[in-house]
Amino acid sequence: MGLDSRESRLRAQGCPQRKAFARHSTLRLHWFTGAPTKESETAAEKPNPTAEYIGTANALQLATAYNGKIQWDADDHNAYFYFYRDQMREWIFFTDLHTFKDRYELVQKDGLQASVRGFW
């Protein structure tokens, strides 16, 4: 379900605008595989998916360095790319100009509120 359809569905069900909201995160994440973990010395290693905050400038630098093809996720209204480093896939989700404009238009269209952390 797209970001704007959740809020629209609430309005269609009669929810007052002041109570209906949709959160559209502006956080940018870098997902990668961290060092494997073990519960004990004899236990098998387990995967360790890890995420860290990443700024747009650093995201774009990684895209350039590793030939990451920036793509658009129409459902989440978000730019992303992935690349391989040390035979492991890393994902970057970030806010580019397209992402910001798309979310800003959604805020304007639906009369939502915006903050530094997201749109409500």
Protein backbone atom coordinates (compact mmCIF):
# COMPACT_ATOMS: atom_id res chain seq x y z
CA MET A 1 0.00 0.00 0.00
CA GLY A 2 1.46 3.35 -1.01
CA LEU A 3 2.15 6.10 1.49
CA ASP A 4 -0.71 8.34 0.45
CA SER A 5 -3.31 5.55 0.22
CA ARG A 6 -3.09 4.76 3.95
CA GLU A 7 -3.99 8.28 4.92
CA SER A 8 -6.68 8.50 2.21
CA ARG A 9 -8.23 5.24 3.44
CA LEU A 10 -8.53 6.67 6.96
CA ARG A 11 -10.22 9.80 5.63
CA ALA A 12 -12.65 7.71 3.54
CA GLN A 13 -13.62 5.84 6.72
CA GLY A 14 -14.65 9.15 8.31
CA CYS A 15 -11.55 9.75 10.43
CA PRO A 16 -11.15 13.51 11.04
CA GLN A 17 -8.19 15.08 9.26
CA ARG A 18 -6.63 16.17 12.56
CA LYS A 19 -6.47 12.51 13.66
CA ALA A 20 -5.55 10.90 10.35
CA PHE A 21 -1.85 10.87 9.66
CA ALA A 22 0.70 9.07 7.60
CA ARG A 23 4.31 8.98 8.66
CA HIS A 24 6.79 9.26 5.85
CA SER A 25 10.24 8.78 7.24
CA THR A 26 13.07 10.92 5.98
CA LEU A 27 15.70 8.74 7.64
CA ARG A 28 18.39 7.40 5.38
CA LEU A 29 19.73 3.91 6.03
CA HIS A 30 22.71 1.89 4.90
CA TRP A 31 21.96 -1.85 5.27
CA PHE A 32 24.83 -4.31 5.23
CA THR A 33 25.93 -7.60 6.74
CA GLY A 34 27.76 -7.12 10.01
CA ALA A 35 30.15 -9.63 11.55
CA PRO A 36 28.39 -12.96 12.21
CA THR A 37 27.25 -13.55 15.78
CA LYS A 38 27.38 -16.63 18.01
CA GLU A 39 25.34 -17.30 21.15
CA SER A 40 28.11 -19.46 22.61
CA GLU A 41 31.50 -20.92 21.68
CA THR A 42 29.90 -24.09 20.30
CA ALA A 43 26.90 -22.45 18.60
CA ALA A 44 26.76 -21.91 14.87
CA GLU A 45 27.35 -18.44 13.53
CA LYS A 46 24.23 -16.45 12.64
CA PRO A 47 23.84 -13.69 10.05
CA ASN A 48 23.97 -10.16 11.41
CA PRO A 49 22.01 -7.74 9.22
CA THR A 50 23.01 -4.24 10.27
CA ALA A 51 21.76 -0.73 9.47
CA GLU A 52 23.34 2.64 10.07
CA TYR A 53 22.21 6.18 9.38
CA ILE A 54 23.83 7.64 6.26
CA GLY A 55 23.68 11.17 4.94
CA THR A 56 22.81 11.90 1.33
CA ALA A 57 26.32 13.10 0.44
CA ASN A 58 27.86 9.87 1.76
CA ALA A 59 25.21 7.78 0.00
CA LEU A 60 25.97 9.45 -3.31
CA GLN A 61 29.70 8.99 -2.73
CA LEU A 62 29.18 5.23 -2.25
CA ALA A 63 26.98 5.09 -5.37
CA THR A 64 29.77 6.69 -7.39
CA ALA A 65 32.56 4.60 -5.88
CA TYR A 66 30.77 1.25 -6.34
CA ASN A 67 28.77 2.03 -9.50
CA GLY A 68 25.44 1.85 -7.66
CA LYS A 69 22.50 2.52 -9.96
CA ILE A 70 20.08 4.87 -8.19
CA GLN A 71 16.52 3.60 -8.51
CA TRP A 72 13.06 4.75 -7.45
CA ASP A 73 10.67 2.76 -5.25
CA ALA A 74 7.21 4.05 -6.22
CA ASP A 75 5.47 2.29 -3.31
CA ASP A 76 7.70 3.74 -0.60
CA HIS A 77 8.41 7.02 -2.41
CA ASN A 78 12.12 6.53 -1.82
CA ALA A 79 15.40 6.49 -3.74
CA TYR A 80 17.70 3.53 -3.24
CA PHE A 81 20.57 1.60 -4.73
CA TYR A 82 22.62 -1.43 -3.92
CA PHE A 83 26.17 -2.52 -4.60
CA TYR A 84 28.52 -5.36 -3.79
CA ARG A 85 31.53 -5.02 -1.54
CA ASP A 86 33.58 -8.03 -0.41
CA GLN A 87 31.04 -10.31 -2.13
CA MET A 88 28.23 -8.94 0.05
CA ARG A 89 25.28 -6.84 -1.11
CA GLU A 90 24.78 -3.52 0.63
CA TRP A 91 21.59 -1.46 0.31
CA ILE A 92 21.27 2.32 0.65
CA PHE A 93 17.90 4.06 1.08
CA PHE A 94 18.16 7.83 1.04
CA THR A 95 16.37 11.09 0.38
CA ASP A 96 17.26 12.62 -2.96
CA LEU A 97 15.58 15.54 -4.71
CA HIS A 98 12.93 13.28 -6.29
CA THR A 99 12.11 11.76 -2.89
CA PHE A 100 11.83 15.14 -1.19
CA LYS A 101 9.66 16.65 -3.95
CA ASP A 102 7.36 13.62 -3.99
CA ARG A 103 6.83 13.74 -0.25
CA TYR A 104 6.44 17.51 -0.21
CA GLU A 105 3.70 17.27 -2.85
CA LEU A 106 1.96 14.61 -0.74
CA VAL A 107 2.07 16.91 2.30
CA GLN A 108 0.61 19.77 0.27
CA LYS A 109 -2.07 17.63 -1.38
CA ASP A 110 -3.34 15.99 1.80
CA GLY A 111 -2.79 18.85 4.25
CA LEU A 112 -0.39 16.85 6.39
CA GLN A 113 2.12 18.32 8.81
CA ALA A 114 5.88 18.04 8.31
CA SER A 115 8.83 17.91 10.67
CA VAL A 116 12.56 17.32 10.39
CA ARG A 117 12.06 13.61 11.06
CA GLY A 118 9.14 12.96 8.70
CA PHE A 119 5.80 13.99 7.31
CA TRP A 120 2.65 13.43 9.37
